[in-house]
Amino acid sequence: MCIGGDHLKNRLEELRKLNGIKQEELALALEVSRQTIGSLENGRYNPSILLAYKIARFFNLSIEDIFIYEEE
């Protein structure tokens, strides 16, 4: 989702695959649907701040390590 030319990219798919985790497994751990994980990974959806924290905590990283904000 782009807001006024700004983009929020993320490393979710990369991190998930590096850790050998399926979309379904990550969805279960984060209490969201597999479709939500897919939408996050392909940039169709930006997470709520709560979900971003849950994702960061799951991978033991900071939010900034996972989500990359880009201004146009």
PDB file of N, CA and C in Angstrom:
ATOM      1  N   MET A   1       0.838  -1.169   0.000  1.00  0.00           N
ATOM      2  CA  MET A   1       0.000   0.000   0.000  1.00  0.00           C
ATOM      3  C   MET A   1       0.885   1.235   0.000  1.00  0.00           C
ATOM      4  N   CYS A   2       0.639   2.146  -0.895  1.00  0.00           N
ATOM      5  CA  CYS A   2       1.430   3.363  -0.982  1.00  0.00           C
ATOM      6  C   CYS A   2       0.564   4.534  -0.546  1.00  0.00           C
ATOM      7  N   ILE A   3       1.118   5.386   0.264  1.00  0.00           N
ATOM      8  CA  ILE A   3       0.412   6.581   0.712  1.00  0.00           C
ATOM      9  C   ILE A   3       1.199   7.777   0.215  1.00  0.00           C
ATOM     10  N   GLY A   4       0.660   8.480  -0.755  1.00  0.00           N
ATOM     11  CA  GLY A   4       1.312   9.679  -1.265  1.00  0.00           C
ATOM     12  C   GLY A   4       2.726   9.452  -1.753  1.00  0.00           C
ATOM     13  N   GLY A   5       2.984   8.292  -2.362  1.00  0.00           N
ATOM     14  CA  GLY A   5       4.312   8.026  -2.900  1.00  0.00           C
ATOM     15  C   GLY A   5       5.282   7.409  -1.912  1.00  0.00           C
ATOM     16  N   ASP A   6       4.875   7.279  -0.659  1.00  0.00           N
ATOM     17  CA  ASP A   6       5.728   6.647   0.338  1.00  0.00           C
ATOM     18  C   ASP A   6       5.491   5.142   0.328  1.00  0.00           C
ATOM     19  N   HIS A   7       6.555   4.377   0.530  1.00  0.00           N
ATOM     20  CA  HIS A   7       6.468   2.920   0.485  1.00  0.00           C
ATOM     21  C   HIS A   7       7.001   2.318   1.772  1.00  0.00           C
ATOM     22  N   LEU A   8       6.358   1.267   2.221  1.00  0.00           N
ATOM     23  CA  LEU A   8       6.857   0.493   3.349  1.00  0.00           C
ATOM     24  C   LEU A   8       7.221  -0.877   2.805  1.00  0.00           C
ATOM     25  N   LYS A   9       8.504  -1.107   2.652  1.00  0.00           N
ATOM     26  CA  LYS A   9       8.973  -2.409   2.190  1.00  0.00           C
ATOM     27  C   LYS A   9       9.300  -3.251   3.414  1.00  0.00           C
ATOM     28  N   ASN A  10       9.387  -4.556   3.203  1.00  0.00           N
ATOM     29  CA  ASN A  10       9.730  -5.397   4.347  1.00  0.00           C
ATOM     30  C   ASN A  10      10.524  -6.627   3.910  1.00  0.00           C
ATOM     31  N   ARG A  11      11.171  -7.231   4.904  1.00  0.00           N
ATOM     32  CA  ARG A  11      12.007  -8.419   4.690  1.00  0.00           C
ATOM     33  C   ARG A  11      11.318  -9.671   5.224  1.00  0.00           C
ATOM     34  N   LEU A  12      10.001  -9.609   5.356  1.00  0.00           N
ATOM     35  CA  LEU A  12       9.276 -10.694   6.003  1.00  0.00           C
ATOM     36  C   LEU A  12       9.466 -12.033   5.293  1.00  0.00           C
ATOM     37  N   GLU A  13       9.274 -12.052   3.985  1.00  0.00           N
ATOM     38  CA  GLU A  13       9.418 -13.317   3.247  1.00  0.00           C
ATOM     39  C   GLU A  13      10.837 -13.859   3.366  1.00  0.00           C
ATOM     40  N   GLU A  14      11.820 -12.971   3.222  1.00  0.00           N
ATOM     41  CA  GLU A  14      13.231 -13.368   3.337  1.00  0.00           C
ATOM     42  C   GLU A  14      13.519 -13.982   4.707  1.00  0.00           C
ATOM     43  N   LEU A  15      13.058 -13.312   5.765  1.00  0.00           N
ATOM     44  CA  LEU A  15      13.305 -13.796   7.128  1.00  0.00           C
ATOM     45  C   LEU A  15      12.574 -15.112   7.391  1.00  0.00           C
ATOM     46  N   ARG A  16      11.362 -15.207   6.909  1.00  0.00           N
ATOM     47  CA  ARG A  16      10.571 -16.423   7.099  1.00  0.00           C
ATOM     48  C   ARG A  16      11.261 -17.614   6.432  1.00  0.00           C
ATOM     49  N   LYS A  17      11.719 -17.421   5.199  1.00  0.00           N
ATOM     50  CA  LYS A  17      12.377 -18.512   4.467  1.00  0.00           C
ATOM     51  C   LYS A  17      13.735 -18.865   5.079  1.00  0.00           C
ATOM     52  N   LEU A  18      14.476 -17.848   5.520  1.00  0.00           N
ATOM     53  CA  LEU A  18      15.764 -18.098   6.189  1.00  0.00           C
ATOM     54  C   LEU A  18      15.591 -18.977   7.420  1.00  0.00           C
ATOM     55  N   ASN A  19      14.459 -18.809   8.097  1.00  0.00           N
ATOM     56  CA  ASN A  19      14.183 -19.565   9.321  1.00  0.00           C
ATOM     57  C   ASN A  19      13.401 -20.847   9.056  1.00  0.00           C
ATOM     58  N   GLY A  20      13.121 -21.136   7.778  1.00  0.00           N
ATOM     59  CA  GLY A  20      12.421 -22.366   7.428  1.00  0.00           C
ATOM     60  C   GLY A  20      10.998 -22.435   7.947  1.00  0.00           C
ATOM     61  N   ILE A  21      10.341 -21.287   7.971  1.00  0.00           N
ATOM     62  CA  ILE A  21       8.984 -21.209   8.509  1.00  0.00           C
ATOM     63  C   ILE A  21       7.986 -21.045   7.360  1.00  0.00           C
ATOM     64  N   LYS A  22       6.912 -21.822   7.385  1.00  0.00           N
ATOM     65  CA  LYS A  22       5.854 -21.696   6.379  1.00  0.00           C
ATOM     66  C   LYS A  22       4.958 -20.505   6.714  1.00  0.00           C
ATOM     67  N   GLN A  23       4.304 -19.957   5.695  1.00  0.00           N
ATOM     68  CA  GLN A  23       3.358 -18.855   5.920  1.00  0.00           C
ATOM     69  C   GLN A  23       2.317 -19.240   6.974  1.00  0.00           C
ATOM     70  N   GLU A  24       1.818 -20.462   6.894  1.00  0.00           N
ATOM     71  CA  GLU A  24       0.790 -20.929   7.830  1.00  0.00           C
ATOM     72  C   GLU A  24       1.304 -20.920   9.272  1.00  0.00           C
ATOM     73  N   GLU A  25       2.560 -21.343   9.446  1.00  0.00           N
ATOM     74  CA  GLU A  25       3.154 -21.398  10.790  1.00  0.00           C
ATOM     75  C   GLU A  25       3.313 -19.991  11.368  1.00  0.00           C
ATOM     76  N   LEU A  26       3.772 -19.076  10.526  1.00  0.00           N
ATOM     77  CA  LEU A  26       3.949 -17.695  10.982  1.00  0.00           C
ATOM     78  C   LEU A  26       2.600 -17.067  11.307  1.00  0.00           C
ATOM     79  N   ALA A  27       1.615 -17.316  10.462  1.00  0.00           N
ATOM     80  CA  ALA A  27       0.266 -16.789  10.688  1.00  0.00           C
ATOM     81  C   ALA A  27      -0.286 -17.275  12.033  1.00  0.00           C
ATOM     82  N   LEU A  28      -0.107 -18.557  12.308  1.00  0.00           N
ATOM     83  CA  LEU A  28      -0.585 -19.136  13.565  1.00  0.00           C
ATOM     84  C   LEU A  28       0.104 -18.475  14.763  1.00  0.00           C
ATOM     85  N   ALA A  29       1.415 -18.305  14.670  1.00  0.00           N
ATOM     86  CA  ALA A  29       2.184 -17.704  15.767  1.00  0.00           C
ATOM     87  C   ALA A  29       1.777 -16.252  16.008  1.00  0.00           C
ATOM     88  N   LEU A  30       1.402 -15.548  14.940  1.00  0.00           N
ATOM     89  CA  LEU A  30       1.057 -14.121  15.052  1.00  0.00           C
ATOM     90  C   LEU A  30      -0.441 -13.882  15.209  1.00  0.00           C
ATOM     91  N   GLU A  31      -1.213 -14.971  15.169  1.00  0.00           N
ATOM     92  CA  GLU A  31      -2.673 -14.899  15.305  1.00  0.00           C
ATOM     93  C   GLU A  31      -3.312 -14.069  14.195  1.00  0.00           C
ATOM     94  N   VAL A  32      -2.850 -14.299  12.961  1.00  0.00           N
ATOM     95  CA  VAL A  32      -3.443 -13.672  11.773  1.00  0.00           C
ATOM     96  C   VAL A  32      -3.673 -14.775  10.736  1.00  0.00           C
ATOM     97  N   SER A  33      -4.314 -14.435   9.623  1.00  0.00           N
ATOM     98  CA  SER A  33      -4.545 -15.425   8.573  1.00  0.00           C
ATOM     99  C   SER A  33      -3.304 -15.584   7.689  1.00  0.00           C
ATOM    100  N   ARG A  34      -3.222 -16.720   7.007  1.00  0.00           N
ATOM    101  CA  ARG A  34      -2.136 -16.923   6.052  1.00  0.00           C
ATOM    102  C   ARG A  34      -2.208 -15.867   4.952  1.00  0.00           C
ATOM    103  N   GLN A  35      -3.428 -15.464   4.584  1.00  0.00           N
ATOM    104  CA  GLN A  35      -3.599 -14.436   3.558  1.00  0.00           C
ATOM    105  C   GLN A  35      -2.975 -13.106   3.992  1.00  0.00           C
ATOM    106  N   THR A  36      -3.078 -12.797   5.286  1.00  0.00           N
ATOM    107  CA  THR A  36      -2.460 -11.568   5.805  1.00  0.00           C
ATOM    108  C   THR A  36      -0.945 -11.623   5.635  1.00  0.00           C
ATOM    109  N   ILE A  37      -0.345 -12.774   5.931  1.00  0.00           N
ATOM    110  CA  ILE A  37       1.106 -12.927   5.753  1.00  0.00           C
ATOM    111  C   ILE A  37       1.465 -12.736   4.283  1.00  0.00           C
ATOM    112  N   GLY A  38       0.711 -13.374   3.386  1.00  0.00           N
ATOM    113  CA  GLY A  38       0.962 -13.223   1.952  1.00  0.00           C
ATOM    114  C   GLY A  38       0.856 -11.779   1.499  1.00  0.00           C
ATOM    115  N   SER A  39      -0.162 -11.082   1.985  1.00  0.00           N
ATOM    116  CA  SER A  39      -0.354  -9.675   1.608  1.00  0.00           C
ATOM    117  C   SER A  39       0.765  -8.786   2.145  1.00  0.00           C
ATOM    118  N   LEU A  40       1.236  -9.077   3.356  1.00  0.00           N
ATOM    119  CA  LEU A  40       2.372  -8.339   3.919  1.00  0.00           C
ATOM    120  C   LEU A  40       3.622  -8.567   3.074  1.00  0.00           C
ATOM    121  N   GLU A  41       3.851  -9.837   2.716  1.00  0.00           N
ATOM    122  CA  GLU A  41       5.073 -10.181   1.984  1.00  0.00           C
ATOM    123  C   GLU A  41       5.121  -9.543   0.602  1.00  0.00           C
ATOM    124  N   ASN A  42       3.982  -9.438  -0.060  1.00  0.00           N
ATOM    125  CA  ASN A  42       4.040  -8.854  -1.401  1.00  0.00           C
ATOM    126  C   ASN A  42       3.675  -7.371  -1.430  1.00  0.00           C
ATOM    127  N   GLY A  43       3.616  -6.749  -0.246  1.00  0.00           N
ATOM    128  CA  GLY A  43       3.472  -5.302  -0.176  1.00  0.00           C
ATOM    129  C   GLY A  43       2.076  -4.769  -0.423  1.00  0.00           C
ATOM    130  N   ARG A  44       1.076  -5.638  -0.412  1.00  0.00           N
ATOM    131  CA  ARG A  44      -0.301  -5.172  -0.618  1.00  0.00           C
ATOM    132  C   ARG A  44      -0.897  -4.591   0.654  1.00  0.00           C
ATOM    133  N   TYR A  45      -0.231  -4.840   1.793  1.00  0.00           N
ATOM    134  CA  TYR A  45      -0.812  -4.498   3.085  1.00  0.00           C
ATOM    135  C   TYR A  45       0.294  -4.061   4.033  1.00  0.00           C
ATOM    136  N   ASN A  46       0.068  -2.956   4.737  1.00  0.00           N
ATOM    137  CA  ASN A  46       0.992  -2.525   5.782  1.00  0.00           C
ATOM    138  C   ASN A  46       0.436  -2.978   7.127  1.00  0.00           C
ATOM    139  N   PRO A  47       1.291  -3.483   8.003  1.00  0.00           N
ATOM    140  CA  PRO A  47       0.800  -3.994   9.284  1.00  0.00           C
ATOM    141  C   PRO A  47       0.414  -2.863  10.228  1.00  0.00           C
ATOM    142  N   SER A  48      -0.475  -3.179  11.160  1.00  0.00           N
ATOM    143  CA  SER A  48      -0.724  -2.267  12.268  1.00  0.00           C
ATOM    144  C   SER A  48       0.564  -2.205  13.091  1.00  0.00           C
ATOM    145  N   ILE A  49       0.681  -1.200  13.921  1.00  0.00           N
ATOM    146  CA  ILE A  49       1.884  -1.092  14.756  1.00  0.00           C
ATOM    147  C   ILE A  49       1.982  -2.298  15.696  1.00  0.00           C
ATOM    148  N   LEU A  50       0.842  -2.789  16.183  1.00  0.00           N
ATOM    149  CA  LEU A  50       0.833  -3.957  17.057  1.00  0.00           C
ATOM    150  C   LEU A  50       1.353  -5.194  16.327  1.00  0.00           C
ATOM    151  N   LEU A  51       0.882  -5.395  15.104  1.00  0.00           N
ATOM    152  CA  LEU A  51       1.347  -6.545  14.329  1.00  0.00           C
ATOM    153  C   LEU A  51       2.832  -6.408  13.990  1.00  0.00           C
ATOM    154  N   ALA A  52       3.268  -5.205  13.675  1.00  0.00           N
ATOM    155  CA  ALA A  52       4.699  -4.988  13.396  1.00  0.00           C
ATOM    156  C   ALA A  52       5.546  -5.366  14.614  1.00  0.00           C
ATOM    157  N   TYR A  53       5.088  -4.994  15.815  1.00  0.00           N
ATOM    158  CA  TYR A  53       5.797  -5.368  17.044  1.00  0.00           C
ATOM    159  C   TYR A  53       5.815  -6.881  17.235  1.00  0.00           C
ATOM    160  N   LYS A  54       4.666  -7.536  16.972  1.00  0.00           N
ATOM    161  CA  LYS A  54       4.595  -8.994  17.122  1.00  0.00           C
ATOM    162  C   LYS A  54       5.566  -9.684  16.166  1.00  0.00           C
ATOM    163  N   ILE A  55       5.632  -9.186  14.937  1.00  0.00           N
ATOM    164  CA  ILE A  55       6.539  -9.769  13.939  1.00  0.00           C
ATOM    165  C   ILE A  55       7.991  -9.585  14.381  1.00  0.00           C
ATOM    166  N   ALA A  56       8.320  -8.365  14.816  1.00  0.00           N
ATOM    167  CA  ALA A  56       9.689  -8.080  15.272  1.00  0.00           C
ATOM    168  C   ALA A  56      10.058  -8.973  16.457  1.00  0.00           C
ATOM    169  N   ARG A  57       9.145  -9.119  17.397  1.00  0.00           N
ATOM    170  CA  ARG A  57       9.409  -9.947  18.574  1.00  0.00           C
ATOM    171  C   ARG A  57       9.588 -11.417  18.173  1.00  0.00           C
ATOM    172  N   PHE A  58       8.761 -11.880  17.231  1.00  0.00           N
ATOM    173  CA  PHE A  58       8.844 -13.268  16.768  1.00  0.00           C
ATOM    174  C   PHE A  58      10.238 -13.572  16.218  1.00  0.00           C
ATOM    175  N   PHE A  59      10.790 -12.643  15.425  1.00  0.00           N
ATOM    176  CA  PHE A  59      12.109 -12.860  14.817  1.00  0.00           C
ATOM    177  C   PHE A  59      13.252 -12.334  15.691  1.00  0.00           C
ATOM    178  N   ASN A  60      12.914 -11.778  16.858  1.00  0.00           N
ATOM    179  CA  ASN A  60      13.914 -11.216  17.773  1.00  0.00           C
ATOM    180  C   ASN A  60      14.745 -10.125  17.093  1.00  0.00           C
ATOM    181  N   LEU A  61      14.050  -9.266  16.351  1.00  0.00           N
ATOM    182  CA  LEU A  61      14.679  -8.147  15.656  1.00  0.00           C
ATOM    183  C   LEU A  61      13.925  -6.875  15.998  1.00  0.00           C
ATOM    184  N   SER A  62      14.485  -5.738  15.598  1.00  0.00           N
ATOM    185  CA  SER A  62      13.751  -4.485  15.757  1.00  0.00           C
ATOM    186  C   SER A  62      12.806  -4.314  14.563  1.00  0.00           C
ATOM    187  N   ILE A  63      11.793  -3.502  14.739  1.00  0.00           N
ATOM    188  CA  ILE A  63      10.863  -3.222  13.642  1.00  0.00           C
ATOM    189  C   ILE A  63      11.638  -2.688  12.434  1.00  0.00           C
ATOM    190  N   GLU A  64      12.622  -1.835  12.679  1.00  0.00           N
ATOM    191  CA  GLU A  64      13.412  -1.230  11.596  1.00  0.00           C
ATOM    192  C   GLU A  64      14.246  -2.265  10.842  1.00  0.00           C
ATOM    193  N   ASP A  65      14.547  -3.386  11.496  1.00  0.00           N
ATOM    194  CA  ASP A  65      15.293  -4.455  10.815  1.00  0.00           C
ATOM    195  C   ASP A  65      14.418  -5.203   9.811  1.00  0.00           C
ATOM    196  N   ILE A  66      13.107  -5.100   9.965  1.00  0.00           N
ATOM    197  CA  ILE A  66      12.187  -5.847   9.125  1.00  0.00           C
ATOM    198  C   ILE A  66      11.473  -4.948   8.107  1.00  0.00           C
ATOM    199  N   PHE A  67      11.042  -3.777   8.592  1.00  0.00           N
ATOM    200  CA  PHE A  67      10.274  -2.869   7.740  1.00  0.00           C
ATOM    201  C   PHE A  67      11.122  -1.666   7.354  1.00  0.00           C
ATOM    202  N   ILE A  68      11.139  -1.383   6.063  1.00  0.00           N
ATOM    203  CA  ILE A  68      11.978  -0.310   5.518  1.00  0.00           C
ATOM    204  C   ILE A  68      11.068   0.736   4.911  1.00  0.00           C
ATOM    205  N   TYR A  69      11.089   1.935   5.476  1.00  0.00           N
ATOM    206  CA  TYR A  69      10.262   3.017   4.984  1.00  0.00           C
ATOM    207  C   TYR A  69      11.029   3.799   3.928  1.00  0.00           C
ATOM    208  N   GLU A  70      10.395   4.000   2.778  1.00  0.00           N
ATOM    209  CA  GLU A  70      11.030   4.747   1.684  1.00  0.00           C
ATOM    210  C   GLU A  70      10.156   5.911   1.262  1.00  0.00           C
ATOM    211  N   GLU A  71      10.748   7.098   1.261  1.00  0.00           N
ATOM    212  CA  GLU A  71      10.037   8.274   0.756  1.00  0.00           C
ATOM    213  C   GLU A  71      10.394   8.440  -0.718  1.00  0.00           C
ATOM    214  N   GLU A  72       9.415   8.904  -1.487  1.00  0.00           N
ATOM    215  CA  GLU A  72       9.669   9.157  -2.918  1.00  0.00           C
ATOM    216  C   GLU A  72      10.276  10.532  -3.069  1.00  0.00           C
TER     217      GLU A  72
END
